[in-house]
């Protein structure tokens, strides 16, 4: 098996249930260790660290249907799956056939309310990550390490690495809250258990995350120097780059030069583009030199209905029955492509583009007249539960393919966009002010997509911001970025850009700009009266 942290995760979840009473959790295993037992050795701290990471991949300590969040179904509270639903299913890239699955119909039709269970799942899972991180930080202070007899220099230094990684994971959780909900209850390790945190808005969260990440980056392991599955400097730099690129949305102030600086640090840090685009999305993608941080998936050790399991099984067409192509059984046409995404590959320059993987032949129609008709709309072939060598994963339902949360190609495209915006390009303008460096980054990706050929390269005169957002979709589709990108380009809320079934209309219609953030779940407001609802909900 490929994963280095997985052996600890299930144990750590059980153990941490006994020491995170600021979470509404339910124990599923009688073998629950006390904090004193868990944190009595350096190994225990590594096991607890794995629990903080594991919350991003798993939902509970039992089978794929278990959840340690009381009253929330595992299928609507797995971090990667919820994040993917909110960032991709609500956009122009994809539809979900089975609208009886709770919460999905409202998301893909842009008609969600504060009662949507997937919104509650994302909110709760993300704040669970904050709680787990806070507890680890409480339990790993110098005073407690000394009191527990953990004084060896090497052990203390390693646990301090863990602490810095946990601070990044907590910052990442708050980054998602800031992006998706525009606010969050703010709690740190200095607050008591069961503390109902005050509401922090985007400016307050932005300031905290930026300060926290800048403080810990010098003390993180260098890019590619950590164990696979654990974060390094580049992961923290990517969070900052994403924040700076979206700073006008979050705090009303541009930070494009800062975004470029962080992207440059990532690009020069040690990660390199995989020579084959699709190798980033296969069952052994942990070997890709491009993966900065992933959500781990293993068909035996981390069985859950997370993002890659959903996408790979969902790719299988109802007409094609092509599960064997991806090493899975498949779910009979669960996922299909919206017309507007498919059209981004129109033209002769995309004839040999490896990113153009969708099926167009046979009885399939480009138009989706009915969201529940699995035979309408093209299907994708991007993700696979087979290795580069073509060997299928050991499980035909739960996949081995890690979700590419951050990869190097995104840093290339963020740099180019930030440079253009810094130099005066604005949404809706036709400014072609890309620099030679930015153009090189764009064409590096195009050459990779065309097996080294420069035939599909673009010139400076072809690159404006509308080109950039389309290129981001071509390169990064189904990777959890699309909603954020559309909002930044003023193409989400409002009517500047409509796509099939936007606003619950087959040809698409305008939606209110209040939908640029999701509502705070009703249950979350009931649990913490410090929270207020977002405008328009």
Protein backbone atom coordinates (compact mmCIF):
# COMPACT_ATOMS: atom_id res chain seq x y z
CA UNK A 1 0.00 0.00 0.00
CA UNK A 2 1.18 3.48 -0.87
CA UNK A 3 0.07 5.63 2.04
CA UNK A 4 2.42 6.51 4.87
CA UNK A 5 0.02 8.03 7.37
CA UNK A 6 -2.98 5.77 7.02
CA UNK A 7 -1.84 3.17 9.55
CA UNK A 8 -2.38 5.69 12.32
CA UNK A 9 -5.57 7.41 11.27
CA UNK A 10 -8.28 5.10 12.54
CA UNK A 11 -6.58 4.75 15.91
CA UNK A 12 -6.13 8.47 16.24
CA UNK A 13 -9.77 9.25 15.48
CA UNK A 14 -10.89 6.95 18.27
CA UNK A 15 -8.38 8.36 20.69
CA UNK A 16 -9.13 11.97 19.91
CA UNK A 17 -12.82 11.47 20.54
CA UNK A 18 -12.05 11.41 24.21
CA UNK A 19 -10.22 14.73 24.20
CA UNK A 20 -12.24 16.98 21.88
CA UNK A 21 -15.34 17.68 23.87
CA UNK A 22 -15.70 20.96 22.00
CA UNK A 23 -16.93 18.76 19.14
CA UNK A 24 -20.33 17.12 19.07
CA UNK A 25 -18.97 13.61 18.50
CA UNK A 26 -20.11 10.10 19.18
CA UNK A 27 -17.73 7.27 20.02
CA UNK A 28 -17.98 4.22 17.78
CA UNK A 29 -15.33 2.04 19.40
CA UNK A 30 -14.97 0.85 22.98
CA UNK A 31 -11.16 1.04 22.77
CA UNK A 32 -10.94 4.77 23.43
CA UNK A 33 -7.66 5.96 24.87
CA UNK A 34 -7.43 8.85 27.26
CA UNK A 35 -5.29 11.87 26.33
CA UNK A 36 -2.75 10.73 28.92
CA UNK A 37 -2.44 7.35 27.19
CA UNK A 38 -2.32 8.74 23.67
CA UNK A 39 0.17 11.50 24.39
CA UNK A 40 2.47 9.52 26.67
CA UNK A 41 4.99 8.78 23.90
CA UNK A 42 6.36 10.51 20.80
CA UNK A 43 4.63 7.86 18.70
CA UNK A 44 1.33 8.90 20.25
CA UNK A 45 1.86 12.43 18.98
CA UNK A 46 2.44 11.11 15.46
CA UNK A 47 -0.75 9.10 15.75
CA UNK A 48 -2.64 12.19 16.88
CA UNK A 49 -1.13 14.20 14.03
CA UNK A 50 -2.44 11.58 11.62
CA UNK A 51 -5.88 12.11 13.10
CA UNK A 52 -5.79 15.80 12.17
CA UNK A 53 -4.76 14.91 8.63
CA UNK A 54 -7.19 12.00 8.58
CA UNK A 55 -10.21 14.24 9.15
CA UNK A 56 -9.68 15.50 5.61
CA UNK A 57 -10.00 11.99 4.18
CA UNK A 58 -12.11 9.93 6.58
CA UNK A 59 -15.43 10.50 8.29
CA UNK A 60 -15.30 8.13 11.25
CA UNK A 61 -13.68 5.13 12.85
CA UNK A 62 -15.93 2.48 11.36
CA UNK A 63 -16.72 1.54 7.79
CA UNK A 64 -17.32 3.93 4.88
CA UNK A 65 -20.72 4.85 6.30
CA UNK A 66 -19.48 5.88 9.75
CA UNK A 67 -19.15 9.44 10.99
CA UNK A 68 -17.82 10.80 14.27
CA UNK A 69 -19.97 13.91 13.75
CA UNK A 70 -23.20 13.23 15.56
CA UNK A 71 -26.34 13.54 13.47
CA UNK A 72 -24.53 14.07 10.14
CA UNK A 73 -24.40 11.39 7.48
CA UNK A 74 -20.95 10.28 6.30
CA UNK A 75 -21.91 10.78 2.66
CA UNK A 76 -22.71 14.44 3.20
CA UNK A 77 -19.82 15.27 5.53
CA UNK A 78 -16.65 13.91 3.90
CA UNK A 79 -14.38 16.93 3.44
CA UNK A 80 -13.21 16.35 -0.13
CA UNK A 81 -16.63 15.32 -1.40
CA UNK A 82 -18.40 18.30 0.17
CA UNK A 83 -15.71 20.69 -1.04
CA UNK A 84 -15.97 19.28 -4.57
CA UNK A 85 -19.76 19.55 -4.56
CA UNK A 86 -19.60 23.21 -3.49
CA UNK A 87 -16.74 24.26 -5.77
CA UNK A 88 -17.65 22.25 -8.90
CA UNK A 89 -21.21 20.92 -8.86
CA UNK A 90 -22.53 24.47 -8.41
CA UNK A 91 -20.76 25.62 -11.60
CA UNK A 92 -20.58 25.12 -15.37
CA UNK A 93 -18.45 21.95 -15.25
CA UNK A 94 -20.61 19.04 -14.13
CA UNK A 95 -24.05 17.72 -13.18
CA UNK A 96 -25.16 14.91 -10.86
CA UNK A 97 -27.85 12.53 -12.13
CA UNK A 98 -29.30 11.22 -8.88
CA UNK A 99 -31.10 14.24 -7.50
CA UNK A 100 -32.75 12.16 -4.79
CA UNK A 101 -29.36 12.19 -3.05
CA UNK A 102 -29.98 14.77 -0.38
CA UNK A 103 -28.71 18.26 -1.06
CA UNK A 104 -27.40 17.68 -4.59
CA UNK A 105 -30.37 19.01 -6.57
CA UNK A 106 -30.32 22.40 -4.84
CA UNK A 107 -26.58 22.75 -5.33
CA UNK A 108 -26.46 22.03 -9.04
CA UNK A 109 -29.55 24.17 -9.67
CA UNK A 110 -28.21 27.04 -7.50
CA UNK A 111 -31.31 26.98 -5.30
CA UNK A 112 -29.72 26.02 -1.98
CA UNK A 113 -30.89 27.27 1.41
CA UNK A 114 -29.41 27.23 4.90
CA UNK A 115 -31.06 23.84 5.45
CA UNK A 116 -28.96 22.08 2.80
CA UNK A 117 -27.32 19.03 4.44
CA UNK A 118 -24.15 19.22 2.34
CA UNK A 119 -23.57 22.78 3.53
CA UNK A 120 -23.97 21.57 7.10
CA UNK A 121 -21.58 18.70 6.37
CA UNK A 122 -18.91 21.01 4.99
CA UNK A 123 -19.31 23.55 7.78
CA UNK A 124 -19.18 20.88 10.48
CA UNK A 125 -16.32 18.86 9.00
CA UNK A 126 -14.22 21.98 8.50
CA UNK A 127 -14.83 23.23 12.03
CA UNK A 128 -14.06 19.72 13.27
CA UNK A 129 -10.65 20.17 11.68
CA UNK A 130 -10.21 23.37 13.69
CA UNK A 131 -11.19 21.56 16.88
CA UNK A 132 -8.83 18.64 16.24
CA UNK A 133 -5.99 21.04 15.47
CA UNK A 134 -6.67 23.10 18.57
CA UNK A 135 -6.63 20.02 20.74
CA UNK A 136 -3.33 18.84 19.31
CA UNK A 137 -1.82 22.24 20.02
CA UNK A 138 -3.15 22.18 23.59
CA UNK A 139 -1.63 18.75 24.16
CA UNK A 140 1.81 19.51 22.70
CA UNK A 141 2.98 22.55 24.63
CA UNK A 142 6.55 22.50 25.98
CA UNK A 143 5.16 22.28 29.49
CA UNK A 144 3.08 19.18 28.76
CA UNK A 145 5.87 17.51 26.83
CA UNK A 146 8.18 17.98 29.79
CA UNK A 147 5.57 16.82 32.27
CA UNK A 148 5.06 13.66 30.23
CA UNK A 149 8.76 12.90 30.15
CA UNK A 150 9.20 13.68 26.45
CA UNK A 151 12.44 15.64 26.65
CA UNK A 152 14.81 14.10 24.09
CA UNK A 153 15.98 16.85 21.73
CA UNK A 154 15.10 14.93 18.57
CA UNK A 155 11.61 14.03 19.85
CA UNK A 156 10.81 17.59 20.90
CA UNK A 157 12.05 18.95 17.56
CA UNK A 158 9.90 16.47 15.63
CA UNK A 159 6.80 17.28 17.65
CA UNK A 160 7.44 20.96 16.97
CA UNK A 161 7.34 20.12 13.26
CA UNK A 162 3.98 18.48 13.92
CA UNK A 163 2.75 21.61 15.69
CA UNK A 164 3.64 23.83 12.75
CA UNK A 165 1.94 21.46 10.31
CA UNK A 166 -1.18 21.45 12.48
CA UNK A 167 -1.22 25.25 12.48
CA UNK A 168 -1.21 25.14 8.67
CA UNK A 169 -4.05 22.61 8.64
CA UNK A 170 -6.06 24.87 10.94
CA UNK A 171 -5.31 27.87 8.71
CA UNK A 172 -6.42 25.82 5.72
CA UNK A 173 -9.69 25.04 7.48
CA UNK A 174 -10.30 28.72 8.16
CA UNK A 175 -9.34 29.51 4.54
CA UNK A 176 -12.16 27.25 3.37
CA UNK A 177 -14.59 28.85 5.80
CA UNK A 178 -13.59 32.30 4.57
CA UNK A 179 -13.98 31.31 0.93
CA UNK A 180 -17.21 29.32 1.16
CA UNK A 181 -19.15 30.95 3.98
CA UNK A 182 -17.51 34.36 4.34
CA UNK A 183 -17.26 33.97 8.12
CA UNK A 184 -16.59 31.45 10.85
CA UNK A 185 -16.73 30.97 14.62
CA UNK A 186 -13.17 31.70 15.70
CA UNK A 187 -11.57 29.37 18.23
CA UNK A 188 -7.91 28.68 19.04
CA UNK A 189 -6.05 26.40 21.43
CA UNK A 190 -6.06 29.14 24.07
CA UNK A 191 -9.85 28.98 24.36
CA UNK A 192 -11.52 26.50 26.71
CA UNK A 193 -13.36 23.42 25.50
CA UNK A 194 -16.99 24.00 24.53
CA UNK A 195 -16.18 27.66 23.87
CA UNK A 196 -18.62 29.30 21.46
CA UNK A 197 -16.25 31.35 19.37
CA UNK A 198 -17.00 34.89 18.24
CA UNK A 199 -17.86 35.42 14.61
CA UNK A 200 -14.91 36.42 12.43
CA UNK A 201 -15.63 38.00 9.05
CA UNK A 202 -13.48 37.66 5.96
CA UNK A 203 -11.10 40.48 6.86
CA UNK A 204 -10.48 39.05 10.31
CA UNK A 205 -10.01 35.52 8.96
CA UNK A 206 -7.72 36.76 6.18
CA UNK A 207 -5.53 38.56 8.69
CA UNK A 208 -5.33 35.55 11.00
CA UNK A 209 -4.53 33.07 8.23
CA UNK A 210 -1.92 35.33 6.64
CA UNK A 211 -0.19 36.00 9.96
CA UNK A 212 -0.30 32.36 11.00
CA UNK A 213 1.11 31.01 7.75
CA UNK A 214 3.88 33.58 7.52
CA UNK A 215 4.86 32.73 11.08
CA UNK A 216 5.16 28.98 10.49
CA UNK A 217 6.50 28.78 6.92
CA UNK A 218 10.16 29.26 7.99
CA UNK A 219 9.74 26.33 10.37
CA UNK A 220 8.13 23.90 7.93
CA UNK A 221 10.02 21.25 6.01
CA UNK A 222 11.22 22.30 2.57
CA UNK A 223 9.22 21.43 -0.52
CA UNK A 224 9.26 17.67 -1.15
CA UNK A 225 11.30 17.05 2.04
CA UNK A 226 8.41 15.75 4.15
CA UNK A 227 6.74 12.33 4.16
CA UNK A 228 4.21 11.97 1.37
CA UNK A 229 0.81 12.96 2.66
CA UNK A 230 2.21 15.55 5.03
CA UNK A 231 2.45 19.21 4.12
CA UNK A 232 5.54 21.32 3.49
CA UNK A 233 6.39 24.95 2.81
CA UNK A 234 4.88 24.84 -0.66
CA UNK A 235 1.45 23.83 0.63
CA UNK A 236 1.36 26.83 2.99
CA UNK A 237 2.63 29.09 0.20
CA UNK A 238 -0.16 27.83 -2.06
CA UNK A 239 -2.81 28.80 0.49
CA UNK A 240 -1.33 32.29 0.65
CA UNK A 241 -1.14 32.53 -3.13
CA UNK A 242 -4.82 31.57 -3.43
CA UNK A 243 -5.74 34.14 -0.77
CA UNK A 244 -3.76 36.89 -2.44
CA UNK A 245 -5.23 36.10 -5.87
CA UNK A 246 -8.73 36.39 -4.39
CA UNK A 247 -7.96 39.26 -2.00
CA UNK A 248 -10.22 41.73 -3.83
CA UNK A 249 -13.12 39.34 -3.24
CA UNK A 250 -12.19 38.62 0.36
CA UNK A 251 -11.01 41.98 1.70
CA UNK A 252 -11.61 44.47 -1.10
CA UNK A 253 -7.90 45.12 -1.67
CA UNK A 254 -5.64 43.78 -4.45
CA UNK A 255 -2.61 41.69 -3.52
CA UNK A 256 -1.46 40.52 -6.94
CA UNK A 257 2.24 41.23 -6.42
CA UNK A 258 2.08 39.15 -3.24
CA UNK A 259 0.39 36.34 -5.18
CA UNK A 260 3.13 36.39 -7.80
CA UNK A 261 5.80 36.24 -5.10
CA UNK A 262 4.23 33.20 -3.44
CA UNK A 263 3.73 31.44 -6.77
CA UNK A 264 7.38 32.06 -7.61
CA UNK A 265 8.41 30.52 -4.30
CA UNK A 266 6.31 27.46 -5.05
CA UNK A 267 7.56 27.15 -8.63
CA UNK A 268 11.21 27.36 -7.58
CA UNK A 269 10.75 25.21 -4.49
CA UNK A 270 11.36 21.76 -5.96
CA UNK A 271 8.11 20.53 -7.48
CA UNK A 272 8.13 19.92 -11.24
CA UNK A 273 5.45 19.30 -13.86
CA UNK A 274 4.67 15.67 -14.53
CA UNK A 275 5.54 14.99 -18.15
CA UNK A 276 2.10 13.40 -18.69
CA UNK A 277 -0.98 15.39 -17.68
CA UNK A 278 -3.21 12.39 -16.94
CA UNK A 279 -0.62 10.74 -14.71
CA UNK A 280 -1.66 13.28 -12.07
CA UNK A 281 -5.04 11.58 -11.78
CA UNK A 282 -4.21 7.88 -11.64
CA UNK A 283 -4.12 5.38 -8.79
CA UNK A 284 -0.39 5.89 -8.21
CA UNK A 285 -0.48 9.68 -8.48
CA UNK A 286 1.42 9.88 -5.20
CA UNK A 287 4.52 9.40 -7.37
CA UNK A 288 3.83 12.55 -9.40
CA UNK A 289 6.41 15.31 -8.95
CA UNK A 290 3.60 17.85 -9.38
CA UNK A 291 1.49 17.02 -6.35
CA UNK A 292 1.96 19.64 -3.62
CA UNK A 293 -0.79 18.42 -1.31
CA UNK A 294 -3.43 15.75 -1.78
CA UNK A 295 -6.35 14.21 0.05
CA UNK A 296 -5.23 10.63 0.45
CA UNK A 297 -7.30 7.71 -0.77
CA UNK A 298 -6.66 4.00 -0.40
CA UNK A 299 -9.06 1.29 -1.49
CA UNK A 300 -8.37 -0.80 1.60
CA UNK A 301 -7.24 1.49 4.41
CA UNK A 302 -9.30 4.63 3.81
CA UNK A 303 -12.59 3.37 2.46
CA UNK A 304 -14.92 6.34 2.17
CA UNK A 305 -17.17 8.04 -0.35
CA UNK A 306 -14.76 10.89 -0.89
CA UNK A 307 -14.09 13.05 -3.92
CA UNK A 308 -12.06 10.66 -6.06
CA UNK A 309 -14.26 7.66 -5.29
CA UNK A 310 -17.29 9.75 -6.30
CA UNK A 311 -15.68 11.15 -9.43
CA UNK A 312 -14.19 7.92 -10.78
CA UNK A 313 -17.30 5.84 -10.17
CA UNK A 314 -19.43 8.76 -11.37
CA UNK A 315 -17.50 9.10 -14.65
CA UNK A 316 -18.73 5.70 -15.82
CA UNK A 317 -21.39 6.29 -18.46
CA UNK A 318 -24.89 4.87 -18.29
CA UNK A 319 -24.71 4.05 -22.00
CA UNK A 320 -21.08 2.98 -22.13
CA UNK A 321 -20.80 0.88 -18.98
CA UNK A 322 -17.07 1.60 -19.16
CA UNK A 323 -16.08 0.99 -15.55
CA UNK A 324 -13.32 -1.38 -16.60
CA UNK A 325 -11.59 1.57 -18.28
CA UNK A 326 -11.11 3.16 -14.86
CA UNK A 327 -10.73 0.05 -12.70
CA UNK A 328 -14.12 0.44 -10.98
CA UNK A 329 -17.64 -0.94 -11.24
CA UNK A 330 -19.19 2.48 -11.64
CA UNK A 331 -22.43 4.15 -10.65
CA UNK A 332 -24.33 4.11 -13.93
CA UNK A 333 -23.89 7.62 -15.24
CA UNK A 334 -23.87 9.72 -12.05
CA UNK A 335 -21.77 12.54 -13.51
CA UNK A 336 -21.98 14.35 -16.83
CA UNK A 337 -20.54 17.50 -18.35
CA UNK A 338 -22.36 20.76 -18.89
CA UNK A 339 -22.29 22.14 -22.42
CA UNK A 340 -20.27 25.24 -21.54
CA UNK A 341 -17.35 23.22 -20.24
CA UNK A 342 -17.25 20.99 -23.31
CA UNK A 343 -17.21 24.03 -25.58
CA UNK A 344 -14.00 25.27 -23.99
CA UNK A 345 -12.21 22.63 -26.06
CA UNK A 346 -13.73 23.66 -29.39
CA UNK A 347 -11.23 24.40 -32.15
CA UNK A 348 -8.30 22.81 -33.92
CA UNK A 349 -5.80 23.68 -31.19
CA UNK A 350 -7.39 21.09 -28.92
CA UNK A 351 -7.42 18.12 -31.28
CA UNK A 352 -4.48 16.47 -29.48
CA UNK A 353 -4.89 18.10 -26.07
CA UNK A 354 -4.56 15.45 -23.33
CA UNK A 355 -6.90 17.50 -21.13
CA UNK A 356 -9.76 16.94 -23.57
CA UNK A 357 -10.88 13.53 -22.35
CA UNK A 358 -14.63 13.61 -22.77
CA UNK A 359 -16.68 11.22 -24.90
CA UNK A 360 -18.56 12.76 -27.83
CA UNK A 361 -19.47 9.75 -29.95
CA UNK A 362 -22.53 7.51 -29.94
CA UNK A 363 -26.02 8.46 -28.80
CA UNK A 364 -24.92 11.11 -26.31
CA UNK A 365 -26.18 14.66 -26.72
CA UNK A 366 -24.28 17.79 -25.84
CA UNK A 367 -27.42 19.38 -24.41
CA UNK A 368 -28.83 18.22 -21.08
CA UNK A 369 -32.58 18.67 -21.27
CA UNK A 370 -33.11 16.64 -18.11
CA UNK A 371 -30.68 16.61 -15.20
CA UNK A 372 -31.80 13.12 -14.23
CA UNK A 373 -31.25 11.55 -17.67
CA UNK A 374 -27.85 9.88 -17.56
CA UNK A 375 -27.79 9.49 -21.35
CA UNK A 376 -27.68 13.27 -21.92
CA UNK A 377 -24.43 15.17 -21.70
CA UNK A 378 -20.91 14.02 -22.43
CA UNK A 379 -18.87 12.01 -19.91
CA UNK A 380 -15.33 12.60 -18.66
CA UNK A 381 -12.31 10.26 -18.59
CA UNK A 382 -9.91 12.34 -16.48
CA UNK A 383 -9.60 10.36 -13.25
CA UNK A 384 -8.76 6.67 -12.99
CA UNK A 385 -8.35 3.92 -10.41
CA UNK A 386 -5.61 2.42 -12.56
CA UNK A 387 -1.91 3.07 -12.23
CA UNK A 388 0.30 4.54 -14.93
CA UNK A 389 1.12 0.95 -15.89
CA UNK A 390 -2.58 0.12 -16.24
CA UNK A 391 -2.96 -1.94 -13.07
CA UNK A 392 -6.36 -1.54 -11.40
CA UNK A 393 -6.68 -0.66 -7.75
CA UNK A 394 -7.37 -3.49 -5.30
CA UNK A 395 -10.94 -2.31 -4.72
CA UNK A 396 -13.43 -1.73 -7.52
CA UNK A 397 -15.49 0.78 -5.51
CA UNK A 398 -13.13 2.60 -3.15
CA UNK A 399 -10.27 4.01 -5.20
CA UNK A 400 -6.53 4.44 -4.63
CA UNK A 401 -6.40 7.80 -6.41
CA UNK A 402 -5.51 10.82 -4.28
CA UNK A 403 -7.39 14.08 -4.79
CA UNK A 404 -5.03 16.83 -6.11
CA UNK A 405 -5.89 19.63 -3.71
CA UNK A 406 -2.88 21.71 -4.77
CA UNK A 407 -0.60 20.96 -7.72
CA UNK A 408 2.11 22.93 -9.46
CA UNK A 409 0.16 23.73 -12.62
CA UNK A 410 -2.17 25.94 -10.60
CA UNK A 411 0.78 28.05 -9.44
CA UNK A 412 1.74 28.61 -13.09
CA UNK A 413 -1.73 29.87 -13.97
CA UNK A 414 -2.13 31.92 -10.80
CA UNK A 415 1.16 33.69 -11.52
CA UNK A 416 0.04 34.60 -15.04
CA UNK A 417 -3.34 35.92 -13.93
CA UNK A 418 -1.92 37.88 -10.99
CA UNK A 419 0.70 39.46 -13.25
CA UNK A 420 -1.91 40.55 -15.77
CA UNK A 421 -4.17 41.98 -13.10
CA UNK A 422 -1.27 43.74 -11.36
CA UNK A 423 -0.35 45.33 -14.68
CA UNK A 424 -3.86 46.62 -15.33
CA UNK A 425 -6.03 43.90 -16.85
CA UNK A 426 -9.54 43.90 -15.42
CA UNK A 427 -12.59 41.67 -15.68
CA UNK A 428 -14.27 42.16 -19.04
CA UNK A 429 -11.32 43.97 -20.60
CA UNK A 430 -9.47 42.73 -23.67
CA UNK A 431 -6.03 43.71 -22.38
CA UNK A 432 -3.31 41.39 -23.68
CA UNK A 433 -0.61 42.42 -21.24
CA UNK A 434 0.87 39.07 -20.33
CA UNK A 435 4.64 39.10 -19.86
CA UNK A 436 7.09 36.68 -21.42
CA UNK A 437 7.35 34.78 -18.13
CA UNK A 438 3.59 34.43 -17.75
CA UNK A 439 3.23 33.36 -21.37
CA UNK A 440 5.94 30.75 -20.86
CA UNK A 441 4.06 29.28 -17.88
CA UNK A 442 0.86 29.04 -19.93
CA UNK A 443 2.64 27.46 -22.89
CA UNK A 444 4.55 25.05 -20.66
CA UNK A 445 1.19 23.59 -19.69
CA UNK A 446 -0.02 23.55 -23.28
CA UNK A 447 3.11 21.79 -24.47
CA UNK A 448 2.72 19.22 -21.72
CA UNK A 449 -0.90 18.68 -22.76
CA UNK A 450 0.22 18.14 -26.37
CA UNK A 451 3.04 15.67 -25.68
CA UNK A 452 5.77 18.26 -26.07
CA UNK A 453 4.47 19.81 -29.28
CA UNK A 454 4.36 23.61 -29.57
CA UNK A 455 1.56 23.49 -32.14
CA UNK A 456 -1.08 24.57 -29.62
CA UNK A 457 1.01 27.30 -27.99
CA UNK A 458 -0.54 30.75 -27.81
CA UNK A 459 0.90 34.17 -28.54
CA UNK A 460 0.75 37.25 -26.35
CA UNK A 461 -2.03 38.69 -28.49
CA UNK A 462 -4.26 35.70 -27.74
CA UNK A 463 -4.05 35.94 -23.96
CA UNK A 464 -6.49 38.14 -22.07
CA UNK A 465 -8.26 37.41 -18.80
CA UNK A 466 -11.16 35.63 -20.50
CA UNK A 467 -8.61 33.29 -22.04
CA UNK A 468 -7.04 32.73 -18.61
CA UNK A 469 -10.24 31.67 -16.88
CA UNK A 470 -11.06 29.29 -19.73
CA UNK A 471 -7.53 27.88 -19.58
CA UNK A 472 -7.89 27.36 -15.84
CA UNK A 473 -10.99 25.25 -16.51
CA UNK A 474 -9.23 23.28 -19.22
CA UNK A 475 -6.28 22.54 -16.94
CA UNK A 476 -7.95 22.31 -13.52
CA UNK A 477 -11.50 21.05 -14.13
CA UNK A 478 -12.99 18.87 -11.39
CA UNK A 479 -10.19 19.87 -9.00
CA UNK A 480 -12.14 22.11 -6.64
CA UNK A 481 -11.34 25.57 -8.05
CA UNK A 482 -14.10 26.52 -10.48
CA UNK A 483 -16.60 28.33 -8.25
CA UNK A 484 -13.85 30.44 -6.72
CA UNK A 485 -12.52 31.31 -10.18
CA UNK A 486 -15.93 32.30 -11.52
CA UNK A 487 -16.55 34.58 -8.55
CA UNK A 488 -13.17 36.28 -8.98
CA UNK A 489 -13.98 36.94 -12.65
CA UNK A 490 -17.50 38.23 -11.82
CA UNK A 491 -19.05 35.34 -13.74
CA UNK A 492 -20.87 33.55 -10.90
CA UNK A 493 -23.53 35.59 -9.13
CA UNK A 494 -25.32 37.89 -11.55
CA UNK A 495 -25.90 37.33 -15.26
CA UNK A 496 -22.54 38.08 -16.89
CA UNK A 497 -22.12 34.38 -17.67
CA UNK A 498 -24.86 31.78 -17.65
CA UNK A 499 -24.51 28.04 -18.04
CA UNK A 500 -26.88 25.10 -18.44
CA UNK A 501 -29.19 24.82 -15.44
CA UNK A 502 -27.73 27.83 -13.68
CA UNK A 503 -30.55 29.26 -11.60
CA UNK A 504 -32.70 26.16 -12.27
CA UNK A 505 -33.31 27.05 -15.92
CA UNK A 506 -32.23 24.65 -18.69
CA UNK A 507 -30.42 27.34 -20.68
CA UNK A 508 -29.26 29.16 -17.55
CA UNK A 509 -30.28 32.42 -15.96
CA UNK A 510 -28.92 35.06 -13.60
CA UNK A 511 -28.63 34.27 -9.91
CA UNK A 512 -28.26 36.76 -7.10
CA UNK A 513 -24.79 37.87 -6.09
CA UNK A 514 -25.60 36.83 -2.54
CA UNK A 515 -24.89 33.31 -3.79
CA UNK A 516 -21.21 34.20 -4.03
CA UNK A 517 -21.13 32.93 -0.45
CA UNK A 518 -23.11 30.05 0.98
CA UNK A 519 -25.52 30.50 3.88
CA UNK A 520 -24.50 29.60 7.40
CA UNK A 521 -26.30 26.32 8.18
CA UNK A 522 -29.34 26.78 10.39
CA UNK A 523 -28.03 24.17 12.81
CA UNK A 524 -24.73 26.03 13.19
CA UNK A 525 -26.50 29.27 14.13
CA UNK A 526 -28.65 27.39 16.63
CA UNK A 527 -25.51 25.91 18.20
CA UNK A 528 -23.64 29.23 18.37
CA UNK A 529 -25.72 32.41 18.79
CA UNK A 530 -22.63 34.50 17.95
CA UNK A 531 -23.15 33.59 14.30
CA UNK A 532 -25.34 35.66 11.99
CA UNK A 533 -26.80 34.67 8.66
CA UNK A 534 -25.31 35.92 5.41
CA UNK A 535 -27.22 38.60 3.52
CA UNK A 536 -29.93 37.27 1.24
CA UNK A 537 -30.59 34.00 3.06
